[in-house]
Amino acid sequence: MLLSLSLHILNQLDGIEFEEQVLINNKICVDILIKNFNLVVEWWGEYWHGHPSKLKDKQPDKRQKRRMALDKSQRKYLEKCGSTVVSFWESTVKQNLESVAKDIKKLLSYS
């Protein structure tokens, strides 16, 4: 379902080319790459990426801690390589498609 929602969002980008599930430098697989703008878009599932609503007693479990640390290091690497990285929670994508599309368009206009 998230894939079809992301396609709905990305198809609103007025002909801007994008690729899905792209391996960057043989190191990191990103959800969306808009190469001409050096923009990486990530769709984050609440549990795996540690959304506060999914933390038990406000603390991440071992899997969440590992994933959150990996998210942080991947973001740093991608930014060091010159990419802008933006992440959206799955719930935000599902509940507010238009807002997500608008945020991405705004980032593209500043690139």
PDB file of N, CA and C in Angstrom:
ATOM      1  N   MET A   1       0.818  -1.192   0.000  1.00  0.00           N
ATOM      2  CA  MET A   1       0.000   0.000   0.000  1.00  0.00           C
ATOM      3  C   MET A   1       0.866   1.263   0.000  1.00  0.00           C
ATOM      4  N   LEU A   2       1.936   1.265   0.787  1.00  0.00           N
ATOM      5  CA  LEU A   2       2.789   2.447   0.843  1.00  0.00           C
ATOM      6  C   LEU A   2       3.409   2.733  -0.516  1.00  0.00           C
ATOM      7  N   LEU A   3       3.748   1.684  -1.250  1.00  0.00           N
ATOM      8  CA  LEU A   3       4.324   1.866  -2.582  1.00  0.00           C
ATOM      9  C   LEU A   3       3.358   2.610  -3.493  1.00  0.00           C
ATOM     10  N   SER A   4       2.093   2.218  -3.502  1.00  0.00           N
ATOM     11  CA  SER A   4       1.129   2.897  -4.372  1.00  0.00           C
ATOM     12  C   SER A   4       0.912   4.341  -3.923  1.00  0.00           C
ATOM     13  N   LEU A   5       0.947   4.590  -2.612  1.00  0.00           N
ATOM     14  CA  LEU A   5       0.816   5.966  -2.121  1.00  0.00           C
ATOM     15  C   LEU A   5       2.030   6.796  -2.524  1.00  0.00           C
ATOM     16  N   SER A   6       3.214   6.195  -2.432  1.00  0.00           N
ATOM     17  CA  SER A   6       4.412   6.951  -2.812  1.00  0.00           C
ATOM     18  C   SER A   6       4.398   7.264  -4.300  1.00  0.00           C
ATOM     19  N   LEU A   7       3.926   6.341  -5.104  1.00  0.00           N
ATOM     20  CA  LEU A   7       3.831   6.607  -6.541  1.00  0.00           C
ATOM     21  C   LEU A   7       2.843   7.730  -6.815  1.00  0.00           C
ATOM     22  N   HIS A   8       1.747   7.748  -6.086  1.00  0.00           N
ATOM     23  CA  HIS A   8       0.758   8.827  -6.229  1.00  0.00           C
ATOM     24  C   HIS A   8       1.422  10.179  -5.937  1.00  0.00           C
ATOM     25  N   ILE A   9       2.217  10.228  -4.878  1.00  0.00           N
ATOM     26  CA  ILE A   9       2.912  11.465  -4.514  1.00  0.00           C
ATOM     27  C   ILE A   9       3.911  11.849  -5.591  1.00  0.00           C
ATOM     28  N   LEU A  10       4.749  10.902  -5.976  1.00  0.00           N
ATOM     29  CA  LEU A  10       5.822  11.201  -6.917  1.00  0.00           C
ATOM     30  C   LEU A  10       5.318  11.534  -8.310  1.00  0.00           C
ATOM     31  N   ASN A  11       4.178  11.007  -8.685  1.00  0.00           N
ATOM     32  CA  ASN A  11       3.614  11.332  -9.988  1.00  0.00           C
ATOM     33  C   ASN A  11       3.077  12.758 -10.039  1.00  0.00           C
ATOM     34  N   GLN A  12       3.004  13.418  -8.905  1.00  0.00           N
ATOM     35  CA  GLN A  12       2.580  14.821  -8.855  1.00  0.00           C
ATOM     36  C   GLN A  12       3.756  15.786  -9.045  1.00  0.00           C
ATOM     37  N   LEU A  13       4.926  15.259  -9.287  1.00  0.00           N
ATOM     38  CA  LEU A  13       6.120  16.103  -9.355  1.00  0.00           C
ATOM     39  C   LEU A  13       6.396  16.648 -10.749  1.00  0.00           C
ATOM     40  N   ASP A  14       5.381  16.769 -11.545  1.00  0.00           N
ATOM     41  CA  ASP A  14       5.460  17.473 -12.824  1.00  0.00           C
ATOM     42  C   ASP A  14       6.591  16.998 -13.732  1.00  0.00           C
ATOM     43  N   GLY A  15       6.649  15.701 -13.953  1.00  0.00           N
ATOM     44  CA  GLY A  15       7.603  15.153 -14.914  1.00  0.00           C
ATOM     45  C   GLY A  15       9.031  14.994 -14.416  1.00  0.00           C
ATOM     46  N   ILE A  16       9.263  15.242 -13.149  1.00  0.00           N
ATOM     47  CA  ILE A  16      10.614  15.077 -12.606  1.00  0.00           C
ATOM     48  C   ILE A  16      10.909  13.584 -12.514  1.00  0.00           C
ATOM     49  N   GLU A  17      12.063  13.199 -13.042  1.00  0.00           N
ATOM     50  CA  GLU A  17      12.434  11.782 -13.056  1.00  0.00           C
ATOM     51  C   GLU A  17      12.915  11.337 -11.686  1.00  0.00           C
ATOM     52  N   PHE A  18      12.499  10.135 -11.309  1.00  0.00           N
ATOM     53  CA  PHE A  18      12.938   9.554 -10.045  1.00  0.00           C
ATOM     54  C   PHE A  18      13.117   8.054 -10.225  1.00  0.00           C
ATOM     55  N   GLU A  19      13.900   7.473  -9.341  1.00  0.00           N
ATOM     56  CA  GLU A  19      14.113   6.034  -9.342  1.00  0.00           C
ATOM     57  C   GLU A  19      13.737   5.505  -7.957  1.00  0.00           C
ATOM     58  N   GLU A  20      13.225   4.270  -7.938  1.00  0.00           N
ATOM     59  CA  GLU A  20      12.862   3.641  -6.671  1.00  0.00           C
ATOM     60  C   GLU A  20      13.844   2.534  -6.319  1.00  0.00           C
ATOM     61  N   GLN A  21      14.043   2.339  -5.023  1.00  0.00           N
ATOM     62  CA  GLN A  21      14.916   1.287  -4.509  1.00  0.00           C
ATOM     63  C   GLN A  21      16.268   1.292  -5.217  1.00  0.00           C
ATOM     64  N   VAL A  22      17.016   2.359  -4.992  1.00  0.00           N
ATOM     65  CA  VAL A  22      18.294   2.578  -5.662  1.00  0.00           C
ATOM     66  C   VAL A  22      19.442   2.297  -4.692  1.00  0.00           C
ATOM     67  N   LEU A  23      20.400   1.511  -5.159  1.00  0.00           N
ATOM     68  CA  LEU A  23      21.600   1.236  -4.382  1.00  0.00           C
ATOM     69  C   LEU A  23      22.630   2.329  -4.702  1.00  0.00           C
ATOM     70  N   ILE A  24      23.026   3.066  -3.685  1.00  0.00           N
ATOM     71  CA  ILE A  24      23.958   4.167  -3.869  1.00  0.00           C
ATOM     72  C   ILE A  24      25.351   3.723  -3.429  1.00  0.00           C
ATOM     73  N   ASN A  25      26.302   3.858  -4.360  1.00  0.00           N
ATOM     74  CA  ASN A  25      27.710   3.519  -4.103  1.00  0.00           C
ATOM     75  C   ASN A  25      27.888   2.105  -3.549  1.00  0.00           C
ATOM     76  N   ASN A  26      27.018   1.204  -3.959  1.00  0.00           N
ATOM     77  CA  ASN A  26      27.072  -0.189  -3.489  1.00  0.00           C
ATOM     78  C   ASN A  26      27.034  -0.306  -1.972  1.00  0.00           C
ATOM     79  N   LYS A  27      26.408   0.691  -1.303  1.00  0.00           N
ATOM     80  CA  LYS A  27      26.386   0.707   0.160  1.00  0.00           C
ATOM     81  C   LYS A  27      24.989   0.809   0.749  1.00  0.00           C
ATOM     82  N   ILE A  28      24.178   1.708   0.209  1.00  0.00           N
ATOM     83  CA  ILE A  28      22.900   2.038   0.844  1.00  0.00           C
ATOM     84  C   ILE A  28      21.785   1.986  -0.187  1.00  0.00           C
ATOM     85  N   CYS A  29      20.737   1.269   0.149  1.00  0.00           N
ATOM     86  CA  CYS A  29      19.556   1.234  -0.719  1.00  0.00           C
ATOM     87  C   CYS A  29      18.558   2.265  -0.197  1.00  0.00           C
ATOM     88  N   VAL A  30      18.198   3.210  -1.069  1.00  0.00           N
ATOM     89  CA  VAL A  30      17.248   4.255  -0.679  1.00  0.00           C
ATOM     90  C   VAL A  30      15.910   4.003  -1.360  1.00  0.00           C
ATOM     91  N   ASP A  31      14.856   4.501  -0.740  1.00  0.00           N
ATOM     92  CA  ASP A  31      13.510   4.291  -1.293  1.00  0.00           C
ATOM     93  C   ASP A  31      13.324   5.034  -2.608  1.00  0.00           C
ATOM     94  N   ILE A  32      13.689   6.302  -2.622  1.00  0.00           N
ATOM     95  CA  ILE A  32      13.510   7.137  -3.816  1.00  0.00           C
ATOM     96  C   ILE A  32      14.762   7.993  -4.011  1.00  0.00           C
ATOM     97  N   LEU A  33      15.221   8.052  -5.248  1.00  0.00           N
ATOM     98  CA  LEU A  33      16.321   8.953  -5.597  1.00  0.00           C
ATOM     99  C   LEU A  33      15.847   9.847  -6.737  1.00  0.00           C
ATOM    100  N   ILE A  34      15.933  11.150  -6.502  1.00  0.00           N
ATOM    101  CA  ILE A  34      15.670  12.131  -7.555  1.00  0.00           C
ATOM    102  C   ILE A  34      17.046  12.687  -7.904  1.00  0.00           C
ATOM    103  N   LYS A  35      17.686  11.991  -8.842  1.00  0.00           N
ATOM    104  CA  LYS A  35      19.109  12.180  -9.135  1.00  0.00           C
ATOM    105  C   LYS A  35      19.459  13.600  -9.558  1.00  0.00           C
ATOM    106  N   ASN A  36      18.664  14.188 -10.426  1.00  0.00           N
ATOM    107  CA  ASN A  36      18.983  15.533 -10.938  1.00  0.00           C
ATOM    108  C   ASN A  36      18.988  16.595  -9.848  1.00  0.00           C
ATOM    109  N   PHE A  37      18.404  16.274  -8.692  1.00  0.00           N
ATOM    110  CA  PHE A  37      18.339  17.224  -7.587  1.00  0.00           C
ATOM    111  C   PHE A  37      19.123  16.734  -6.367  1.00  0.00           C
ATOM    112  N   ASN A  38      19.819  15.597  -6.517  1.00  0.00           N
ATOM    113  CA  ASN A  38      20.539  14.995  -5.382  1.00  0.00           C
ATOM    114  C   ASN A  38      19.641  14.867  -4.154  1.00  0.00           C
ATOM    115  N   LEU A  39      18.408  14.436  -4.382  1.00  0.00           N
ATOM    116  CA  LEU A  39      17.435  14.310  -3.296  1.00  0.00           C
ATOM    117  C   LEU A  39      17.101  12.846  -3.066  1.00  0.00           C
ATOM    118  N   VAL A  40      17.226  12.429  -1.822  1.00  0.00           N
ATOM    119  CA  VAL A  40      16.842  11.081  -1.395  1.00  0.00           C
ATOM    120  C   VAL A  40      15.591  11.212  -0.538  1.00  0.00           C
ATOM    121  N   VAL A  41      14.573  10.422  -0.864  1.00  0.00           N
ATOM    122  CA  VAL A  41      13.334  10.405  -0.095  1.00  0.00           C
ATOM    123  C   VAL A  41      13.195   9.020   0.537  1.00  0.00           C
ATOM    124  N   GLU A  42      12.990   9.000   1.835  1.00  0.00           N
ATOM    125  CA  GLU A  42      12.821   7.750   2.556  1.00  0.00           C
ATOM    126  C   GLU A  42      11.430   7.697   3.175  1.00  0.00           C
ATOM    127  N   TRP A  43      10.800   6.540   3.062  1.00  0.00           N
ATOM    128  CA  TRP A  43       9.505   6.285   3.698  1.00  0.00           C
ATOM    129  C   TRP A  43       9.796   5.425   4.927  1.00  0.00           C
ATOM    130  N   TRP A  44       9.561   5.942   6.101  1.00  0.00           N
ATOM    131  CA  TRP A  44       9.907   5.238   7.335  1.00  0.00           C
ATOM    132  C   TRP A  44       8.688   4.589   7.970  1.00  0.00           C
ATOM    133  N   GLY A  45       8.778   3.282   8.151  1.00  0.00           N
ATOM    134  CA  GLY A  45       7.762   2.566   8.924  1.00  0.00           C
ATOM    135  C   GLY A  45       7.929   2.915  10.392  1.00  0.00           C
ATOM    136  N   GLU A  46       6.827   3.079  11.080  1.00  0.00           N
ATOM    137  CA  GLU A  46       6.862   3.549  12.459  1.00  0.00           C
ATOM    138  C   GLU A  46       7.644   2.625  13.394  1.00  0.00           C
ATOM    139  N   TYR A  47       7.414   1.319  13.303  1.00  0.00           N
ATOM    140  CA  TYR A  47       8.084   0.417  14.239  1.00  0.00           C
ATOM    141  C   TYR A  47       9.593   0.405  13.989  1.00  0.00           C
ATOM    142  N   TRP A  48       9.982   0.058  12.784  1.00  0.00           N
ATOM    143  CA  TRP A  48      11.399  -0.168  12.502  1.00  0.00           C
ATOM    144  C   TRP A  48      12.265   1.062  12.705  1.00  0.00           C
ATOM    145  N   HIS A  49      11.738   2.224  12.395  1.00  0.00           N
ATOM    146  CA  HIS A  49      12.540   3.438  12.469  1.00  0.00           C
ATOM    147  C   HIS A  49      12.337   4.197  13.778  1.00  0.00           C
ATOM    148  N   GLY A  50      11.535   3.640  14.678  1.00  0.00           N
ATOM    149  CA  GLY A  50      11.442   4.175  16.035  1.00  0.00           C
ATOM    150  C   GLY A  50      10.555   5.381  16.237  1.00  0.00           C
ATOM    151  N   HIS A  51       9.404   5.396  15.571  1.00  0.00           N
ATOM    152  CA  HIS A  51       8.453   6.483  15.819  1.00  0.00           C
ATOM    153  C   HIS A  51       8.061   6.449  17.304  1.00  0.00           C
ATOM    154  N   PRO A  52       7.971   7.613  17.944  1.00  0.00           N
ATOM    155  CA  PRO A  52       7.640   7.644  19.377  1.00  0.00           C
ATOM    156  C   PRO A  52       6.378   6.854  19.751  1.00  0.00           C
ATOM    157  N   SER A  53       5.426   6.777  18.845  1.00  0.00           N
ATOM    158  CA  SER A  53       4.195   6.031  19.153  1.00  0.00           C
ATOM    159  C   SER A  53       4.423   4.523  19.230  1.00  0.00           C
ATOM    160  N   LYS A  54       5.565   4.061  18.749  1.00  0.00           N
ATOM    161  CA  LYS A  54       5.861   2.627  18.727  1.00  0.00           C
ATOM    162  C   LYS A  54       6.928   2.226  19.737  1.00  0.00           C
ATOM    163  N   LEU A  55       7.330   3.140  20.598  1.00  0.00           N
ATOM    164  CA  LEU A  55       8.331   2.825  21.603  1.00  0.00           C
ATOM    165  C   LEU A  55       7.645   2.359  22.879  1.00  0.00           C
ATOM    166  N   LYS A  56       8.174   1.306  23.446  1.00  0.00           N
ATOM    167  CA  LYS A  56       7.638   0.794  24.703  1.00  0.00           C
ATOM    168  C   LYS A  56       8.274   1.579  25.841  1.00  0.00           C
ATOM    169  N   ASP A  57       7.454   2.176  26.675  1.00  0.00           N
ATOM    170  CA  ASP A  57       7.941   3.008  27.782  1.00  0.00           C
ATOM    171  C   ASP A  57       8.914   4.084  27.297  1.00  0.00           C
ATOM    172  N   LYS A  58       8.635   4.609  26.107  1.00  0.00           N
ATOM    173  CA  LYS A  58       9.426   5.679  25.495  1.00  0.00           C
ATOM    174  C   LYS A  58      10.860   5.277  25.174  1.00  0.00           C
ATOM    175  N   GLN A  59      11.131   3.969  25.139  1.00  0.00           N
ATOM    176  CA  GLN A  59      12.472   3.471  24.851  1.00  0.00           C
ATOM    177  C   GLN A  59      12.430   2.510  23.665  1.00  0.00           C
ATOM    178  N   PRO A  60      13.345   2.655  22.722  1.00  0.00           N
ATOM    179  CA  PRO A  60      13.389   1.707  21.601  1.00  0.00           C
ATOM    180  C   PRO A  60      13.919   0.353  22.066  1.00  0.00           C
ATOM    181  N   ASP A  61      13.438  -0.719  21.420  1.00  0.00           N
ATOM    182  CA  ASP A  61      13.983  -2.040  21.710  1.00  0.00           C
ATOM    183  C   ASP A  61      15.283  -2.225  20.919  1.00  0.00           C
ATOM    184  N   LYS A  62      15.917  -3.395  21.040  1.00  0.00           N
ATOM    185  CA  LYS A  62      17.219  -3.622  20.397  1.00  0.00           C
ATOM    186  C   LYS A  62      17.161  -3.429  18.894  1.00  0.00           C
ATOM    187  N   ARG A  63      16.128  -3.975  18.247  1.00  0.00           N
ATOM    188  CA  ARG A  63      16.029  -3.839  16.782  1.00  0.00           C
ATOM    189  C   ARG A  63      15.855  -2.391  16.379  1.00  0.00           C
ATOM    190  N   GLN A  64      15.004  -1.691  17.113  1.00  0.00           N
ATOM    191  CA  GLN A  64      14.788  -0.280  16.799  1.00  0.00           C
ATOM    192  C   GLN A  64      16.066   0.537  17.010  1.00  0.00           C
ATOM    193  N   LYS A  65      16.789   0.252  18.091  1.00  0.00           N
ATOM    194  CA  LYS A  65      18.048   0.965  18.346  1.00  0.00           C
ATOM    195  C   LYS A  65      19.036   0.759  17.204  1.00  0.00           C
ATOM    196  N   ARG A  66      19.154  -0.497  16.752  1.00  0.00           N
ATOM    197  CA  ARG A  66      20.072  -0.781  15.634  1.00  0.00           C
ATOM    198  C   ARG A  66      19.657  -0.023  14.386  1.00  0.00           C
ATOM    199  N   ARG A  67      18.354  -0.074  14.082  1.00  0.00           N
ATOM    200  CA  ARG A  67      17.856   0.592  12.871  1.00  0.00           C
ATOM    201  C   ARG A  67      18.025   2.098  12.969  1.00  0.00           C
ATOM    202  N   MET A  68      17.740   2.659  14.149  1.00  0.00           N
ATOM    203  CA  MET A  68      17.864   4.099  14.335  1.00  0.00           C
ATOM    204  C   MET A  68      19.320   4.551  14.192  1.00  0.00           C
ATOM    205  N   ALA A  69      20.254   3.759  14.714  1.00  0.00           N
ATOM    206  CA  ALA A  69      21.674   4.074  14.563  1.00  0.00           C
ATOM    207  C   ALA A  69      22.083   3.980  13.095  1.00  0.00           C
ATOM    208  N   LEU A  70      21.577   2.967  12.401  1.00  0.00           N
ATOM    209  CA  LEU A  70      21.864   2.811  10.977  1.00  0.00           C
ATOM    210  C   LEU A  70      21.287   3.983  10.174  1.00  0.00           C
ATOM    211  N   ASP A  71      20.060   4.392  10.509  1.00  0.00           N
ATOM    212  CA  ASP A  71      19.448   5.544   9.836  1.00  0.00           C
ATOM    213  C   ASP A  71      20.339   6.777   9.965  1.00  0.00           C
ATOM    214  N   LYS A  72      20.842   6.991  11.166  1.00  0.00           N
ATOM    215  CA  LYS A  72      21.675   8.167  11.427  1.00  0.00           C
ATOM    216  C   LYS A  72      22.976   8.111  10.617  1.00  0.00           C
ATOM    217  N   SER A  73      23.637   6.957  10.622  1.00  0.00           N
ATOM    218  CA  SER A  73      24.901   6.851   9.889  1.00  0.00           C
ATOM    219  C   SER A  73      24.676   6.924   8.376  1.00  0.00           C
ATOM    220  N   GLN A  74      23.577   6.345   7.888  1.00  0.00           N
ATOM    221  CA  GLN A  74      23.288   6.415   6.457  1.00  0.00           C
ATOM    222  C   GLN A  74      23.000   7.851   6.031  1.00  0.00           C
ATOM    223  N   ARG A  75      22.260   8.564   6.842  1.00  0.00           N
ATOM    224  CA  ARG A  75      21.960   9.963   6.528  1.00  0.00           C
ATOM    225  C   ARG A  75      23.259  10.774   6.450  1.00  0.00           C
ATOM    226  N   LYS A  76      24.132  10.585   7.434  1.00  0.00           N
ATOM    227  CA  LYS A  76      25.411  11.306   7.429  1.00  0.00           C
ATOM    228  C   LYS A  76      26.218  10.984   6.174  1.00  0.00           C
ATOM    229  N   TYR A  77      26.263   9.710   5.809  1.00  0.00           N
ATOM    230  CA  TYR A  77      27.012   9.299   4.620  1.00  0.00           C
ATOM    231  C   TYR A  77      26.429   9.939   3.364  1.00  0.00           C
ATOM    232  N   LEU A  78      25.104   9.857   3.212  1.00  0.00           N
ATOM    233  CA  LEU A  78      24.455  10.408   2.022  1.00  0.00           C
ATOM    234  C   LEU A  78      24.663  11.921   1.934  1.00  0.00           C
ATOM    235  N   GLU A  79      24.569  12.597   3.066  1.00  0.00           N
ATOM    236  CA  GLU A  79      24.785  14.043   3.072  1.00  0.00           C
ATOM    237  C   GLU A  79      26.243  14.375   2.747  1.00  0.00           C
ATOM    238  N   LYS A  80      27.165  13.565   3.243  1.00  0.00           N
ATOM    239  CA  LYS A  80      28.586  13.766   2.931  1.00  0.00           C
ATOM    240  C   LYS A  80      28.832  13.592   1.429  1.00  0.00           C
ATOM    241  N   CYS A  81      28.031  12.724   0.796  1.00  0.00           N
ATOM    242  CA  CYS A  81      28.128  12.497  -0.653  1.00  0.00           C
ATOM    243  C   CYS A  81      27.402  13.578  -1.451  1.00  0.00           C
ATOM    244  N   GLY A  82      26.795  14.556  -0.767  1.00  0.00           N
ATOM    245  CA  GLY A  82      26.158  15.674  -1.451  1.00  0.00           C
ATOM    246  C   GLY A  82      24.657  15.580  -1.629  1.00  0.00           C
ATOM    247  N   SER A  83      24.036  14.560  -1.045  1.00  0.00           N
ATOM    248  CA  SER A  83      22.579  14.410  -1.176  1.00  0.00           C
ATOM    249  C   SER A  83      21.852  15.133  -0.050  1.00  0.00           C
ATOM    250  N   THR A  84      20.673  15.599  -0.375  1.00  0.00           N
ATOM    251  CA  THR A  84      19.730  16.057   0.637  1.00  0.00           C
ATOM    252  C   THR A  84      18.849  14.855   0.942  1.00  0.00           C
ATOM    253  N   VAL A  85      18.633  14.584   2.214  1.00  0.00           N
ATOM    254  CA  VAL A  85      17.852  13.419   2.612  1.00  0.00           C
ATOM    255  C   VAL A  85      16.625  13.891   3.376  1.00  0.00           C
ATOM    256  N   VAL A  86      15.464  13.398   2.969  1.00  0.00           N
ATOM    257  CA  VAL A  86      14.231  13.711   3.674  1.00  0.00           C
ATOM    258  C   VAL A  86      13.503  12.397   3.954  1.00  0.00           C
ATOM    259  N   SER A  87      12.991  12.298   5.170  1.00  0.00           N
ATOM    260  CA  SER A  87      12.280  11.088   5.582  1.00  0.00           C
ATOM    261  C   SER A  87      10.867  11.449   6.008  1.00  0.00           C
ATOM    262  N   PHE A  88       9.930  10.587   5.636  1.00  0.00           N
ATOM    263  CA  PHE A  88       8.542  10.781   6.024  1.00  0.00           C
ATOM    264  C   PHE A  88       8.044   9.528   6.733  1.00  0.00           C
ATOM    265  N   TRP A  89       7.359   9.712   7.837  1.00  0.00           N
ATOM    266  CA  TRP A  89       6.754   8.586   8.536  1.00  0.00           C
ATOM    267  C   TRP A  89       5.629   8.006   7.691  1.00  0.00           C
ATOM    268  N   GLU A  90       5.506   6.703   7.727  1.00  0.00           N
ATOM    269  CA  GLU A  90       4.464   6.012   6.967  1.00  0.00           C
ATOM    270  C   GLU A  90       3.080   6.571   7.282  1.00  0.00           C
ATOM    271  N   SER A  91       2.824   6.866   8.537  1.00  0.00           N
ATOM    272  CA  SER A  91       1.508   7.401   8.918  1.00  0.00           C
ATOM    273  C   SER A  91       1.257   8.765   8.285  1.00  0.00           C
ATOM    274  N   THR A  92       2.297   9.572   8.162  1.00  0.00           N
ATOM    275  CA  THR A  92       2.149  10.888   7.530  1.00  0.00           C
ATOM    276  C   THR A  92       1.827  10.723   6.051  1.00  0.00           C
ATOM    277  N   VAL A  93       2.513   9.794   5.408  1.00  0.00           N
ATOM    278  CA  VAL A  93       2.255   9.540   3.992  1.00  0.00           C
ATOM    279  C   VAL A  93       0.813   9.091   3.796  1.00  0.00           C
ATOM    280  N   LYS A  94       0.362   8.178   4.642  1.00  0.00           N
ATOM    281  CA  LYS A  94      -0.996   7.644   4.512  1.00  0.00           C
ATOM    282  C   LYS A  94      -2.064   8.683   4.813  1.00  0.00           C
ATOM    283  N   GLN A  95      -1.787   9.559   5.767  1.00  0.00           N
ATOM    284  CA  GLN A  95      -2.809  10.504   6.216  1.00  0.00           C
ATOM    285  C   GLN A  95      -2.800  11.836   5.477  1.00  0.00           C
ATOM    286  N   ASN A  96      -1.665  12.177   4.865  1.00  0.00           N
ATOM    287  CA  ASN A  96      -1.573  13.517   4.292  1.00  0.00           C
ATOM    288  C   ASN A  96      -0.712  13.540   3.028  1.00  0.00           C
ATOM    289  N   LEU A  97      -1.196  12.860   2.009  1.00  0.00           N
ATOM    290  CA  LEU A  97      -0.464  12.766   0.742  1.00  0.00           C
ATOM    291  C   LEU A  97      -0.094  14.132   0.173  1.00  0.00           C
ATOM    292  N   GLU A  98      -1.054  15.020   0.168  1.00  0.00           N
ATOM    293  CA  GLU A  98      -0.836  16.330  -0.458  1.00  0.00           C
ATOM    294  C   GLU A  98       0.263  17.115   0.254  1.00  0.00           C
ATOM    295  N   SER A  99       0.306  17.036   1.565  1.00  0.00           N
ATOM    296  CA  SER A  99       1.320  17.740   2.335  1.00  0.00           C
ATOM    297  C   SER A  99       2.714  17.176   2.046  1.00  0.00           C
ATOM    298  N   VAL A 100       2.817  15.865   1.935  1.00  0.00           N
ATOM    299  CA  VAL A 100       4.095  15.232   1.624  1.00  0.00           C
ATOM    300  C   VAL A 100       4.560  15.660   0.230  1.00  0.00           C
ATOM    301  N   ALA A 101       3.652  15.625  -0.728  1.00  0.00           N
ATOM    302  CA  ALA A 101       3.996  16.049  -2.091  1.00  0.00           C
ATOM    303  C   ALA A 101       4.451  17.513  -2.097  1.00  0.00           C
ATOM    304  N   LYS A 102       3.761  18.343  -1.356  1.00  0.00           N
ATOM    305  CA  LYS A 102       4.108  19.772  -1.280  1.00  0.00           C
ATOM    306  C   LYS A 102       5.499  19.952  -0.660  1.00  0.00           C
ATOM    307  N   ASP A 103       5.803  19.191   0.391  1.00  0.00           N
ATOM    308  CA  ASP A 103       7.124  19.280   1.028  1.00  0.00           C
ATOM    309  C   ASP A 103       8.236  18.875   0.058  1.00  0.00           C
ATOM    310  N   ILE A 104       7.997  17.825  -0.710  1.00  0.00           N
ATOM    311  CA  ILE A 104       9.006  17.384  -1.682  1.00  0.00           C
ATOM    312  C   ILE A 104       9.184  18.432  -2.771  1.00  0.00           C
ATOM    313  N   LYS A 105       8.079  18.977  -3.273  1.00  0.00           N
ATOM    314  CA  LYS A 105       8.166  20.034  -4.302  1.00  0.00           C
ATOM    315  C   LYS A 105       8.943  21.240  -3.774  1.00  0.00           C
ATOM    316  N   LYS A 106       8.720  21.589  -2.525  1.00  0.00           N
ATOM    317  CA  LYS A 106       9.419  22.713  -1.918  1.00  0.00           C
ATOM    318  C   LYS A 106      10.932  22.438  -1.896  1.00  0.00           C
ATOM    319  N   LEU A 107      11.311  21.232  -1.524  1.00  0.00           N
ATOM    320  CA  LEU A 107      12.740  20.878  -1.512  1.00  0.00           C
ATOM    321  C   LEU A 107      13.325  20.953  -2.925  1.00  0.00           C
ATOM    322  N   LEU A 108      12.574  20.514  -3.912  1.00  0.00           N
ATOM    323  CA  LEU A 108      13.055  20.545  -5.283  1.00  0.00           C
ATOM    324  C   LEU A 108      13.234  21.982  -5.780  1.00  0.00           C
ATOM    325  N   SER A 109      12.395  22.868  -5.335  1.00  0.00           N
ATOM    326  CA  SER A 109      12.501  24.258  -5.791  1.00  0.00           C
ATOM    327  C   SER A 109      13.708  24.964  -5.199  1.00  0.00           C
ATOM    328  N   TYR A 110      14.237  24.444  -4.087  1.00  0.00           N
ATOM    329  CA  TYR A 110      15.416  25.036  -3.459  1.00  0.00           C
ATOM    330  C   TYR A 110      16.715  24.392  -3.911  1.00  0.00           C
ATOM    331  N   SER A 111      16.605  23.288  -4.666  1.00  0.00           N
ATOM    332  CA  SER A 111      17.830  22.583  -5.101  1.00  0.00           C
ATOM    333  C   SER A 111      18.482  23.248  -6.283  1.00  0.00           C
TER     334      SER A 111
END
